[in-house]
């Protein structure tokens, strides 16, 4: 792998842990998501991406977050 390029995080277990941290830190936003606010969902996605330095696999993060917010 070329230097300077970090590997994507696709470990679902690791991403669940990050997502849970974000959910706990943003309970007010979680309530908005549960009320159907798509912008709030996107905010949580962004927070997860920030915590992983944009290395998280976006598709897996989306799945994990949807599952956790059911």
C-alpha atoms as a PDB file:
ATOM      1  CA  UNK A   1       0.000   0.000   0.000  1.00  0.00           C
ATOM      2  CA  UNK A   2       1.435   3.414  -0.855  1.00  0.00           C
ATOM      3  CA  UNK A   3       2.511   5.457   2.123  1.00  0.00           C
ATOM      4  CA  UNK A   4       0.142   8.176   3.249  1.00  0.00           C
ATOM      5  CA  UNK A   5      -2.960   6.184   2.344  1.00  0.00           C
ATOM      6  CA  UNK A   6      -4.669   4.700   5.352  1.00  0.00           C
ATOM      7  CA  UNK A   7      -6.710   1.555   5.112  1.00  0.00           C
ATOM      8  CA  UNK A   8     -10.507   1.741   5.280  1.00  0.00           C
ATOM      9  CA  UNK A   9     -12.148   0.509   8.446  1.00  0.00           C
ATOM     10  CA  UNK A  10     -14.615  -2.170   7.445  1.00  0.00           C
ATOM     11  CA  UNK A  11     -14.681  -4.180  10.685  1.00  0.00           C
ATOM     12  CA  UNK A  12     -18.360  -4.053  11.609  1.00  0.00           C
ATOM     13  CA  UNK A  13     -17.666  -4.648  15.308  1.00  0.00           C
ATOM     14  CA  UNK A  14     -15.277  -1.680  15.444  1.00  0.00           C
ATOM     15  CA  UNK A  15     -17.734   0.543  13.592  1.00  0.00           C
ATOM     16  CA  UNK A  16     -20.567  -0.454  15.946  1.00  0.00           C
ATOM     17  CA  UNK A  17     -18.431   0.727  18.886  1.00  0.00           C
ATOM     18  CA  UNK A  18     -17.767   4.088  17.222  1.00  0.00           C
ATOM     19  CA  UNK A  19     -21.444   4.446  16.281  1.00  0.00           C
ATOM     20  CA  UNK A  20     -22.535   3.710  19.847  1.00  0.00           C
ATOM     21  CA  UNK A  21     -20.166   6.408  21.140  1.00  0.00           C
ATOM     22  CA  UNK A  22     -21.652   8.918  18.696  1.00  0.00           C
ATOM     23  CA  UNK A  23     -25.215   7.907  19.659  1.00  0.00           C
ATOM     24  CA  UNK A  24     -24.490   8.387  23.367  1.00  0.00           C
ATOM     25  CA  UNK A  25     -22.833  11.764  22.725  1.00  0.00           C
ATOM     26  CA  UNK A  26     -25.756  12.999  20.583  1.00  0.00           C
ATOM     27  CA  UNK A  27     -28.950  11.781  22.254  1.00  0.00           C
ATOM     28  CA  UNK A  28     -30.877  14.875  21.114  1.00  0.00           C
ATOM     29  CA  UNK A  29     -29.942  14.230  17.491  1.00  0.00           C
ATOM     30  CA  UNK A  30     -30.877  10.544  17.857  1.00  0.00           C
ATOM     31  CA  UNK A  31     -34.396  11.612  18.899  1.00  0.00           C
ATOM     32  CA  UNK A  32     -34.648  13.728  15.750  1.00  0.00           C
ATOM     33  CA  UNK A  33     -33.567  10.750  13.620  1.00  0.00           C
ATOM     34  CA  UNK A  34     -36.204   8.569  15.261  1.00  0.00           C
ATOM     35  CA  UNK A  35     -38.695  11.296  14.353  1.00  0.00           C
ATOM     36  CA  UNK A  36     -37.748  10.933  10.685  1.00  0.00           C
ATOM     37  CA  UNK A  37     -35.195  13.757  10.314  1.00  0.00           C
ATOM     38  CA  UNK A  38     -32.815  12.716   7.507  1.00  0.00           C
ATOM     39  CA  UNK A  39     -30.489  15.651   8.134  1.00  0.00           C
ATOM     40  CA  UNK A  40     -29.997  14.443  11.709  1.00  0.00           C
ATOM     41  CA  UNK A  41     -29.089  10.971  10.390  1.00  0.00           C
ATOM     42  CA  UNK A  42     -26.544  12.536   8.057  1.00  0.00           C
ATOM     43  CA  UNK A  43     -25.113  14.509  10.987  1.00  0.00           C
ATOM     44  CA  UNK A  44     -24.549  11.266  12.922  1.00  0.00           C
ATOM     45  CA  UNK A  45     -22.941   9.703   9.841  1.00  0.00           C
ATOM     46  CA  UNK A  46     -20.606  12.689   9.650  1.00  0.00           C
ATOM     47  CA  UNK A  47     -19.676  12.377  13.326  1.00  0.00           C
ATOM     48  CA  UNK A  48     -18.774   8.712  12.842  1.00  0.00           C
ATOM     49  CA  UNK A  49     -16.678   9.574   9.798  1.00  0.00           C
ATOM     50  CA  UNK A  50     -14.904  12.310  11.818  1.00  0.00           C
ATOM     51  CA  UNK A  51     -14.109   9.914  14.666  1.00  0.00           C
ATOM     52  CA  UNK A  52     -12.566   7.463  12.206  1.00  0.00           C
ATOM     53  CA  UNK A  53     -10.619  10.146  10.320  1.00  0.00           C
ATOM     54  CA  UNK A  54     -12.817   9.457   7.275  1.00  0.00           C
ATOM     55  CA  UNK A  55     -11.486   5.891   7.144  1.00  0.00           C
ATOM     56  CA  UNK A  56     -14.758   4.130   7.935  1.00  0.00           C
ATOM     57  CA  UNK A  57     -16.431   2.253   5.107  1.00  0.00           C
ATOM     58  CA  UNK A  58     -19.394   4.560   4.428  1.00  0.00           C
ATOM     59  CA  UNK A  59     -21.727   1.764   3.327  1.00  0.00           C
ATOM     60  CA  UNK A  60     -21.085  -0.302   6.469  1.00  0.00           C
ATOM     61  CA  UNK A  61     -21.442   2.768   8.716  1.00  0.00           C
ATOM     62  CA  UNK A  62     -24.824   3.490   7.141  1.00  0.00           C
ATOM     63  CA  UNK A  63     -26.001  -0.112   7.736  1.00  0.00           C
ATOM     64  CA  UNK A  64     -24.709  -0.141  11.328  1.00  0.00           C
ATOM     65  CA  UNK A  65     -26.299   3.200  12.192  1.00  0.00           C
ATOM     66  CA  UNK A  66     -29.664   2.235  10.689  1.00  0.00           C
ATOM     67  CA  UNK A  67     -29.594  -1.021  12.650  1.00  0.00           C
ATOM     68  CA  UNK A  68     -28.710   0.694  15.934  1.00  0.00           C
ATOM     69  CA  UNK A  69     -31.405   3.342  15.551  1.00  0.00           C
ATOM     70  CA  UNK A  70     -34.301   0.954  14.817  1.00  0.00           C
END
